[in-house]
PDB file of N, CA and C in Angstrom:
ATOM      1  N   MET A   1       9.207  20.230  35.062  1.00  0.00           N
ATOM      2  CA  MET A   1       8.686  19.001  35.509  1.00  0.00           C
ATOM      3  C   MET A   1       9.832  17.881  35.868  1.00  0.00           C
ATOM      4  N   PRO A   2      10.022  17.053  36.984  1.00  0.00           N
ATOM      5  CA  PRO A   2      11.032  16.519  37.606  1.00  0.00           C
ATOM      6  C   PRO A   2      11.457  15.205  36.550  1.00  0.00           C
ATOM      7  N   ASP A   3      12.458  14.943  36.569  1.00  0.00           N
ATOM      8  CA  ASP A   3      12.596  13.559  35.830  1.00  0.00           C
ATOM      9  C   ASP A   3      12.473  12.404  36.132  1.00  0.00           C
ATOM     10  N   ILE A   4      12.047  11.095  35.729  1.00  0.00           N
ATOM     11  CA  ILE A   4      11.398  10.162  36.562  1.00  0.00           C
ATOM     12  C   ILE A   4      12.281   8.974  35.964  1.00  0.00           C
ATOM     13  N   ALA A   5      13.315   8.014  36.401  1.00  0.00           N
ATOM     14  CA  ALA A   5      13.579   6.938  36.198  1.00  0.00           C
ATOM     15  C   ALA A   5      12.648   6.004  36.373  1.00  0.00           C
ATOM     16  N   SER A   6      12.930   4.976  34.873  1.00  0.00           N
ATOM     17  CA  SER A   6      11.813   4.129  34.689  1.00  0.00           C
ATOM     18  C   SER A   6      11.603   2.922  35.854  1.00  0.00           C
ATOM     19  N   SER A   7      12.321   2.974  36.708  1.00  0.00           N
ATOM     20  CA  SER A   7      12.500   1.946  37.736  1.00  0.00           C
ATOM     21  C   SER A   7      11.577   2.564  39.090  1.00  0.00           C
ATOM     22  N   GLN A   8      11.096   3.957  38.721  1.00  0.00           N
ATOM     23  CA  GLN A   8      10.053   4.659  39.643  1.00  0.00           C
ATOM     24  C   GLN A   8       8.763   4.502  39.148  1.00  0.00           C
ATOM     25  N   VAL A   9       8.838   4.087  37.884  1.00  0.00           N
ATOM     26  CA  VAL A   9       7.198   3.751  37.508  1.00  0.00           C
ATOM     27  C   VAL A   9       6.298   2.189  37.597  1.00  0.00           C
ATOM     28  N   SER A  10       5.690   2.389  38.146  1.00  0.00           N
ATOM     29  CA  SER A  10       4.910   0.924  38.362  1.00  0.00           C
ATOM     30  C   SER A  10       4.504   0.314  37.124  1.00  0.00           C
ATOM     31  N   GLN A  11       4.451  -0.847  37.074  1.00  0.00           N
ATOM     32  CA  GLN A  11       4.076  -1.793  35.690  1.00  0.00           C
ATOM     33  C   GLN A  11       2.974  -1.311  34.990  1.00  0.00           C
ATOM     34  N   ASP A  12       1.656  -0.978  36.189  1.00  0.00           N
ATOM     35  CA  ASP A  12       0.440  -1.225  35.522  1.00  0.00           C
ATOM     36  C   ASP A  12       0.605   0.891  34.874  1.00  0.00           C
ATOM     37  N   GLN A  13       1.229   1.673  35.526  1.00  0.00           N
ATOM     38  CA  GLN A  13       1.644   3.032  34.600  1.00  0.00           C
ATOM     39  C   GLN A  13       1.984   2.913  33.484  1.00  0.00           C
ATOM     40  N   ARG A  14       3.032   1.662  33.152  1.00  0.00           N
ATOM     41  CA  ARG A  14       3.149   2.020  31.843  1.00  0.00           C
ATOM     42  C   ARG A  14       2.489   1.424  30.553  1.00  0.00           C
ATOM     43  N   ILE A  15       2.631   2.164  29.492  1.00  0.00           N
ATOM     44  CA  ILE A  15       1.309   1.804  28.560  1.00  0.00           C
ATOM     45  C   ILE A  15       2.039   1.059  27.501  1.00  0.00           C
ATOM     46  N   ASP A  16       1.678  -0.134  26.956  1.00  0.00           N
ATOM     47  CA  ASP A  16       1.981  -0.549  25.841  1.00  0.00           C
ATOM     48  C   ASP A  16       2.089  -0.103  25.043  1.00  0.00           C
ATOM     49  N   LEU A  17       2.912   0.589  23.900  1.00  0.00           N
ATOM     50  CA  LEU A  17       2.654   1.383  22.842  1.00  0.00           C
ATOM     51  C   LEU A  17       2.109   0.143  21.479  1.00  0.00           C
ATOM     52  N   PRO A  18       1.141   0.408  20.793  1.00  0.00           N
ATOM     53  CA  PRO A  18       1.309  -1.046  19.343  1.00  0.00           C
ATOM     54  C   PRO A  18       2.427  -0.839  18.770  1.00  0.00           C
ATOM     55  N   ARG A  19       2.338  -2.134  18.165  1.00  0.00           N
ATOM     56  CA  ARG A  19       3.355  -2.248  17.109  1.00  0.00           C
ATOM     57  C   ARG A  19       2.991  -1.320  16.186  1.00  0.00           C
ATOM     58  N   GLU A  20       4.204  -0.926  15.331  1.00  0.00           N
ATOM     59  CA  GLU A  20       4.279  -0.432  14.020  1.00  0.00           C
ATOM     60  C   GLU A  20       3.145  -1.818  13.316  1.00  0.00           C
ATOM     61  N   GLU A  21       2.160  -1.317  12.172  1.00  0.00           N
ATOM     62  CA  GLU A  21       1.970  -2.298  11.586  1.00  0.00           C
ATOM     63  C   GLU A  21       2.327  -2.370  10.384  1.00  0.00           C
ATOM     64  N   ASP A  22       2.363  -3.406   9.567  1.00  0.00           N
ATOM     65  CA  ASP A  22       2.808  -3.354   8.079  1.00  0.00           C
ATOM     66  C   ASP A  22       1.920  -3.009   7.140  1.00  0.00           C
ATOM     67  N   LEU A  23       1.978  -1.799   6.948  1.00  0.00           N
ATOM     68  CA  LEU A  23       0.802  -1.233   5.997  1.00  0.00           C
ATOM     69  C   LEU A  23       1.097  -1.924   4.579  1.00  0.00           C
ATOM     70  N   GLY A  24       1.908  -2.525   4.337  1.00  0.00           N
ATOM     71  CA  GLY A  24       2.195  -3.040   2.942  1.00  0.00           C
ATOM     72  C   GLY A  24       2.700  -2.059   1.810  1.00  0.00           C
ATOM     73  N   SER A  25       2.784  -2.715   0.763  1.00  0.00           N
ATOM     74  CA  SER A  25       2.940  -2.038  -0.570  1.00  0.00           C
ATOM     75  C   SER A  25       2.219  -2.567  -1.610  1.00  0.00           C
ATOM     76  N   VAL A  26       1.455  -1.667  -2.796  1.00  0.00           N
ATOM     77  CA  VAL A  26       1.057  -1.663  -3.511  1.00  0.00           C
ATOM     78  C   VAL A  26       1.904  -1.042  -4.890  1.00  0.00           C
ATOM     79  N   GLN A  27       1.540  -2.264  -5.669  1.00  0.00           N
ATOM     80  CA  GLN A  27       2.122  -2.190  -6.820  1.00  0.00           C
ATOM     81  C   GLN A  27       0.971  -2.390  -7.866  1.00  0.00           C
ATOM     82  N   ALA A  28       1.262  -1.366  -9.039  1.00  0.00           N
ATOM     83  CA  ALA A  28       0.204  -1.097 -10.064  1.00  0.00           C
ATOM     84  C   ALA A  28       1.317  -2.407 -11.449  1.00  0.00           C
ATOM     85  N   ILE A  29       0.556  -3.135 -11.594  1.00  0.00           N
ATOM     86  CA  ILE A  29       1.314  -4.216 -12.569  1.00  0.00           C
ATOM     87  C   ILE A  29       0.882  -3.556 -13.969  1.00  0.00           C
ATOM     88  N   ILE A  30       1.541  -3.177 -15.223  1.00  0.00           N
ATOM     89  CA  ILE A  30       0.461  -2.999 -16.504  1.00  0.00           C
ATOM     90  C   ILE A  30       1.247  -3.563 -17.475  1.00  0.00           C
ATOM     91  N   THR A  31       0.452  -4.439 -18.210  1.00  0.00           N
ATOM     92  CA  THR A  31       1.290  -5.263 -18.995  1.00  0.00           C
ATOM     93  C   THR A  31       0.805  -5.004 -20.452  1.00  0.00           C
ATOM     94  N   ARG A  32       1.587  -4.600 -21.303  1.00  0.00           N
ATOM     95  CA  ARG A  32       1.010  -4.279 -22.508  1.00  0.00           C
ATOM     96  C   ARG A  32       0.696  -5.941 -23.480  1.00  0.00           C
ATOM     97  N   GLY A  33      -0.604  -5.646 -24.300  1.00  0.00           N
ATOM     98  CA  GLY A  33      -1.044  -6.730 -24.911  1.00  0.00           C
ATOM     99  C   GLY A  33      -1.056  -6.383 -26.451  1.00  0.00           C
ATOM    100  N   TRP A  34      -1.671  -7.393 -26.977  1.00  0.00           N
ATOM    101  CA  TRP A  34      -1.894  -6.999 -28.641  1.00  0.00           C
ATOM    102  C   TRP A  34      -2.377  -5.531 -28.860  1.00  0.00           C
ATOM    103  N   ASN A  35      -3.833  -5.796 -27.892  1.00  0.00           N
ATOM    104  CA  ASN A  35      -4.862  -4.375 -28.548  1.00  0.00           C
ATOM    105  C   ASN A  35      -5.384  -3.984 -27.378  1.00  0.00           C
ATOM    106  N   ALA A  36      -4.725  -4.240 -26.523  1.00  0.00           N
ATOM    107  CA  ALA A  36      -4.998  -3.885 -24.655  1.00  0.00           C
ATOM    108  C   ALA A  36      -3.856  -3.687 -23.850  1.00  0.00           C
ATOM    109  N   TYR A  37      -4.102  -3.184 -22.643  1.00  0.00           N
ATOM    110  CA  TYR A  37      -3.403  -3.149 -21.638  1.00  0.00           C
ATOM    111  C   TYR A  37      -4.048  -3.795 -20.580  1.00  0.00           C
ATOM    112  N   LEU A  38      -3.254  -4.930 -19.814  1.00  0.00           N
ATOM    113  CA  LEU A  38      -4.008  -5.502 -18.466  1.00  0.00           C
ATOM    114  C   LEU A  38      -3.281  -4.364 -17.035  1.00  0.00           C
ATOM    115  N   LEU A  39      -4.179  -4.363 -16.391  1.00  0.00           N
ATOM    116  CA  LEU A  39      -3.657  -3.525 -15.281  1.00  0.00           C
ATOM    117  C   LEU A  39      -4.105  -4.547 -13.858  1.00  0.00           C
ATOM    118  N   GLN A  40      -3.066  -4.864 -13.009  1.00  0.00           N
ATOM    119  CA  GLN A  40      -3.341  -5.721 -11.798  1.00  0.00           C
ATOM    120  C   GLN A  40      -2.784  -4.565 -11.126  1.00  0.00           C
ATOM    121  N   VAL A  41      -3.468  -4.774  -9.833  1.00  0.00           N
ATOM    122  CA  VAL A  41      -3.063  -3.505  -8.838  1.00  0.00           C
ATOM    123  C   VAL A  41      -3.201  -4.757  -7.588  1.00  0.00           C
ATOM    124  N   VAL A  42      -1.939  -4.569  -6.819  1.00  0.00           N
ATOM    125  CA  VAL A  42      -1.723  -5.788  -6.396  1.00  0.00           C
ATOM    126  C   VAL A  42      -1.150  -5.380  -4.635  1.00  0.00           C
ATOM    127  N   LEU A  43      -1.948  -5.453  -3.736  1.00  0.00           N
ATOM    128  CA  LEU A  43      -1.323  -5.387  -2.123  1.00  0.00           C
ATOM    129  C   LEU A  43      -0.407  -6.747  -1.852  1.00  0.00           C
ATOM    130  N   VAL A  44       0.625  -6.025  -1.495  1.00  0.00           N
ATOM    131  CA  VAL A  44       1.660  -6.841  -0.569  1.00  0.00           C
ATOM    132  C   VAL A  44       1.898  -6.635   0.731  1.00  0.00           C
ATOM    133  N   LYS A  45       1.022  -7.750   1.767  1.00  0.00           N
ATOM    134  CA  LYS A  45       1.131  -7.190   2.911  1.00  0.00           C
ATOM    135  C   LYS A  45       1.736  -8.566   3.670  1.00  0.00           C
ATOM    136  N   ASN A  46       2.426  -8.434   4.673  1.00  0.00           N
ATOM    137  CA  ASN A  46       2.670  -9.795   5.417  1.00  0.00           C
ATOM    138  C   ASN A  46       3.138 -10.776   4.706  1.00  0.00           C
ATOM    139  N   GLY A  47       4.215 -10.597   3.529  1.00  0.00           N
ATOM    140  CA  GLY A  47       4.604 -11.317   2.953  1.00  0.00           C
ATOM    141  C   GLY A  47       3.268 -12.070   1.763  1.00  0.00           C
ATOM    142  N   GLU A  48       2.234 -11.464   2.201  1.00  0.00           N
ATOM    143  CA  GLU A  48       1.483 -12.396   1.013  1.00  0.00           C
ATOM    144  C   GLU A  48       0.649 -11.078   0.027  1.00  0.00           C
ATOM    145  N   ALA A  49       0.708 -11.887  -1.399  1.00  0.00           N
ATOM    146  CA  ALA A  49       0.316 -10.937  -2.144  1.00  0.00           C
ATOM    147  C   ALA A  49      -1.084 -11.129  -2.381  1.00  0.00           C
ATOM    148  N   ARG A  50      -2.005 -10.050  -2.790  1.00  0.00           N
ATOM    149  CA  ARG A  50      -3.287  -9.871  -3.038  1.00  0.00           C
ATOM    150  C   ARG A  50      -3.952  -9.312  -4.207  1.00  0.00           C
ATOM    151  N   MET A  51      -4.295  -9.549  -5.395  1.00  0.00           N
ATOM    152  CA  MET A  51      -4.899  -8.640  -6.546  1.00  0.00           C
ATOM    153  C   MET A  51      -6.213  -8.374  -5.858  1.00  0.00           C
ATOM    154  N   LEU A  52      -6.133  -7.030  -6.052  1.00  0.00           N
ATOM    155  CA  LEU A  52      -7.248  -6.188  -5.928  1.00  0.00           C
ATOM    156  C   LEU A  52      -8.007  -5.448  -6.782  1.00  0.00           C
ATOM    157  N   VAL A  53      -7.401  -5.149  -8.208  1.00  0.00           N
ATOM    158  CA  VAL A  53      -8.028  -4.964  -9.403  1.00  0.00           C
ATOM    159  C   VAL A  53      -7.319  -5.904 -10.304  1.00  0.00           C
ATOM    160  N   GLY A  54      -8.368  -6.074 -11.332  1.00  0.00           N
ATOM    161  CA  GLY A  54      -7.666  -6.584 -12.626  1.00  0.00           C
ATOM    162  C   GLY A  54      -8.618  -6.212 -13.757  1.00  0.00           C
ATOM    163  N   LYS A  55      -7.953  -5.625 -14.500  1.00  0.00           N
ATOM    164  CA  LYS A  55      -8.864  -4.967 -15.627  1.00  0.00           C
ATOM    165  C   LYS A  55      -8.160  -4.792 -16.990  1.00  0.00           C
ATOM    166  N   GLU A  56      -8.613  -4.813 -18.261  1.00  0.00           N
ATOM    167  CA  GLU A  56      -8.080  -4.784 -19.164  1.00  0.00           C
ATOM    168  C   GLU A  56      -8.390  -3.294 -19.950  1.00  0.00           C
ATOM    169  N   VAL A  57      -7.566  -2.380 -20.004  1.00  0.00           N
ATOM    170  CA  VAL A  57      -7.775  -0.953 -20.895  1.00  0.00           C
ATOM    171  C   VAL A  57      -7.339  -0.877 -22.327  1.00  0.00           C
ATOM    172  N   THR A  58      -7.661  -0.137 -22.626  1.00  0.00           N
ATOM    173  CA  THR A  58      -7.303   0.512 -24.012  1.00  0.00           C
ATOM    174  C   THR A  58      -6.050   1.035 -24.097  1.00  0.00           C
ATOM    175  N   SER A  59      -5.336   1.774 -22.954  1.00  0.00           N
ATOM    176  CA  SER A  59      -4.330   2.705 -22.925  1.00  0.00           C
ATOM    177  C   SER A  59      -3.294   2.320 -21.944  1.00  0.00           C
ATOM    178  N   TYR A  60      -2.350   2.820 -21.802  1.00  0.00           N
ATOM    179  CA  TYR A  60      -1.393   3.095 -20.775  1.00  0.00           C
ATOM    180  C   TYR A  60      -1.689   3.878 -19.827  1.00  0.00           C
ATOM    181  N   ALA A  61      -2.402   5.273 -20.403  1.00  0.00           N
ATOM    182  CA  ALA A  61      -2.556   6.252 -19.793  1.00  0.00           C
ATOM    183  C   ALA A  61      -4.175   6.072 -18.945  1.00  0.00           C
ATOM    184  N   VAL A  62      -5.192   5.043 -19.689  1.00  0.00           N
ATOM    185  CA  VAL A  62      -6.380   4.767 -18.874  1.00  0.00           C
ATOM    186  C   VAL A  62      -5.793   4.085 -17.787  1.00  0.00           C
ATOM    187  N   ALA A  63      -4.998   2.837 -17.897  1.00  0.00           N
ATOM    188  CA  ALA A  63      -4.369   1.983 -16.675  1.00  0.00           C
ATOM    189  C   ALA A  63      -3.608   2.447 -15.742  1.00  0.00           C
ATOM    190  N   GLU A  64      -2.984   3.559 -15.620  1.00  0.00           N
ATOM    191  CA  GLU A  64      -2.195   4.453 -15.003  1.00  0.00           C
ATOM    192  C   GLU A  64      -3.281   5.346 -14.060  1.00  0.00           C
ATOM    193  N   THR A  65      -4.408   5.906 -14.746  1.00  0.00           N
ATOM    194  CA  THR A  65      -5.719   6.729 -14.469  1.00  0.00           C
ATOM    195  C   THR A  65      -6.474   5.668 -13.360  1.00  0.00           C
ATOM    196  N   VAL A  66      -6.843   4.527 -13.719  1.00  0.00           N
ATOM    197  CA  VAL A  66      -7.440   3.562 -12.914  1.00  0.00           C
ATOM    198  C   VAL A  66      -6.419   3.004 -11.789  1.00  0.00           C
ATOM    199  N   ALA A  67      -5.475   3.271 -11.729  1.00  0.00           N
ATOM    200  CA  ALA A  67      -4.411   2.789 -10.496  1.00  0.00           C
ATOM    201  C   ALA A  67      -4.375   4.336  -9.616  1.00  0.00           C
ATOM    202  N   ARG A  68      -4.028   5.337 -10.255  1.00  0.00           N
ATOM    203  CA  ARG A  68      -4.214   6.182  -9.273  1.00  0.00           C
ATOM    204  C   ARG A  68      -5.724   6.437  -8.793  1.00  0.00           C
ATOM    205  N   VAL A  69      -7.031   6.267  -9.479  1.00  0.00           N
ATOM    206  CA  VAL A  69      -8.324   6.803  -8.532  1.00  0.00           C
ATOM    207  C   VAL A  69      -8.421   5.571  -7.808  1.00  0.00           C
ATOM    208  N   PHE A  70      -7.972   4.576  -7.696  1.00  0.00           N
ATOM    209  CA  PHE A  70      -8.095   3.394  -6.755  1.00  0.00           C
ATOM    210  C   PHE A  70      -7.110   3.676  -5.657  1.00  0.00           C
ATOM    211  N   ALA A  71      -6.082   4.029  -5.711  1.00  0.00           N
ATOM    212  CA  ALA A  71      -5.195   4.360  -4.502  1.00  0.00           C
ATOM    213  C   ALA A  71      -5.712   5.748  -4.196  1.00  0.00           C
ATOM    214  N   ALA A  72      -6.295   6.630  -4.763  1.00  0.00           N
ATOM    215  CA  ALA A  72      -6.644   7.591  -4.185  1.00  0.00           C
ATOM    216  C   ALA A  72      -7.959   7.340  -3.369  1.00  0.00           C
ATOM    217  N   THR A  73      -9.027   6.450  -3.937  1.00  0.00           N
ATOM    218  CA  THR A  73      -9.890   6.305  -2.732  1.00  0.00           C
ATOM    219  C   THR A  73      -9.748   5.363  -1.626  1.00  0.00           C
ATOM    220  N   HIS A  74      -8.756   4.708  -1.821  1.00  0.00           N
ATOM    221  CA  HIS A  74      -8.506   3.883  -0.846  1.00  0.00           C
ATOM    222  C   HIS A  74      -7.403   4.532   0.362  1.00  0.00           C
ATOM    223  N   GLY A  75      -7.049   5.765   0.073  1.00  0.00           N
ATOM    224  CA  GLY A  75      -6.126   6.374   1.229  1.00  0.00           C
ATOM    225  C   GLY A  75      -4.699   5.787   0.845  1.00  0.00           C
ATOM    226  N   VAL A  76      -4.211   5.519  -0.277  1.00  0.00           N
ATOM    227  CA  VAL A  76      -2.973   5.022  -0.567  1.00  0.00           C
ATOM    228  C   VAL A  76      -1.923   6.521  -1.326  1.00  0.00           C
ATOM    229  N   ALA A  77      -0.883   7.249  -0.909  1.00  0.00           N
ATOM    230  CA  ALA A  77      -0.263   8.328  -1.379  1.00  0.00           C
ATOM    231  C   ALA A  77       0.013   7.557  -2.876  1.00  0.00           C
ATOM    232  N   TRP A  78       0.066   8.108  -4.350  1.00  0.00           N
ATOM    233  CA  TRP A  78       0.630   7.496  -5.056  1.00  0.00           C
ATOM    234  C   TRP A  78       1.682   7.106  -5.275  1.00  0.00           C
ATOM    235  N   GLU A  79       2.590   8.201  -4.478  1.00  0.00           N
ATOM    236  CA  GLU A  79       4.016   7.900  -4.305  1.00  0.00           C
ATOM    237  C   GLU A  79       4.555   6.579  -3.583  1.00  0.00           C
ATOM    238  N   ARG A  80       3.695   6.039  -2.557  1.00  0.00           N
ATOM    239  CA  ARG A  80       3.749   4.796  -2.266  1.00  0.00           C
ATOM    240  C   ARG A  80       3.552   3.528  -2.926  1.00  0.00           C
ATOM    241  N   VAL A  81       2.940   3.790  -4.643  1.00  0.00           N
ATOM    242  CA  VAL A  81       2.682   2.686  -5.541  1.00  0.00           C
ATOM    243  C   VAL A  81       3.656   2.551  -6.459  1.00  0.00           C
ATOM    244  N   GLU A  82       4.023   1.530  -6.531  1.00  0.00           N
ATOM    245  CA  GLU A  82       4.958   1.107  -7.217  1.00  0.00           C
ATOM    246  C   GLU A  82       4.440   0.763  -8.846  1.00  0.00           C
ATOM    247  N   VAL A  83       4.932   1.073  -9.863  1.00  0.00           N
ATOM    248  CA  VAL A  83       4.237   1.043 -11.067  1.00  0.00           C
ATOM    249  C   VAL A  83       5.396   0.006 -11.859  1.00  0.00           C
ATOM    250  N   VAL A  84       4.899  -1.344 -12.409  1.00  0.00           N
ATOM    251  CA  VAL A  84       5.727  -1.848 -13.046  1.00  0.00           C
ATOM    252  C   VAL A  84       5.325  -2.259 -14.217  1.00  0.00           C
ATOM    253  N   LEU A  85       5.983  -2.060 -15.746  1.00  0.00           N
ATOM    254  CA  LEU A  85       5.596  -1.919 -16.831  1.00  0.00           C
ATOM    255  C   LEU A  85       6.332  -3.328 -17.222  1.00  0.00           C
ATOM    256  N   LYS A  86       5.087  -4.246 -17.976  1.00  0.00           N
ATOM    257  CA  LYS A  86       5.900  -5.220 -18.330  1.00  0.00           C
ATOM    258  C   LYS A  86       5.661  -5.299 -19.899  1.00  0.00           C
TER     259      LYS A  86
END
């Protein structure tokens, strides 16, 4: 296949590639209380934070399980979830 210089391609033949979309980041914030743990799953996208889950649970293990299930059902790899323990 011959090499083609960009000057040989007309404007209507060029394809505008979509910009990479900001997928955002997901945080699972687990706060220990007196008798329970508070789980907040937060999506941070384009500089804006949005709480997706706010739930009181009985243990850290349950909080992490809820966060993992939420991530899995929404197509977010667990490796992309930042877990913050307070």
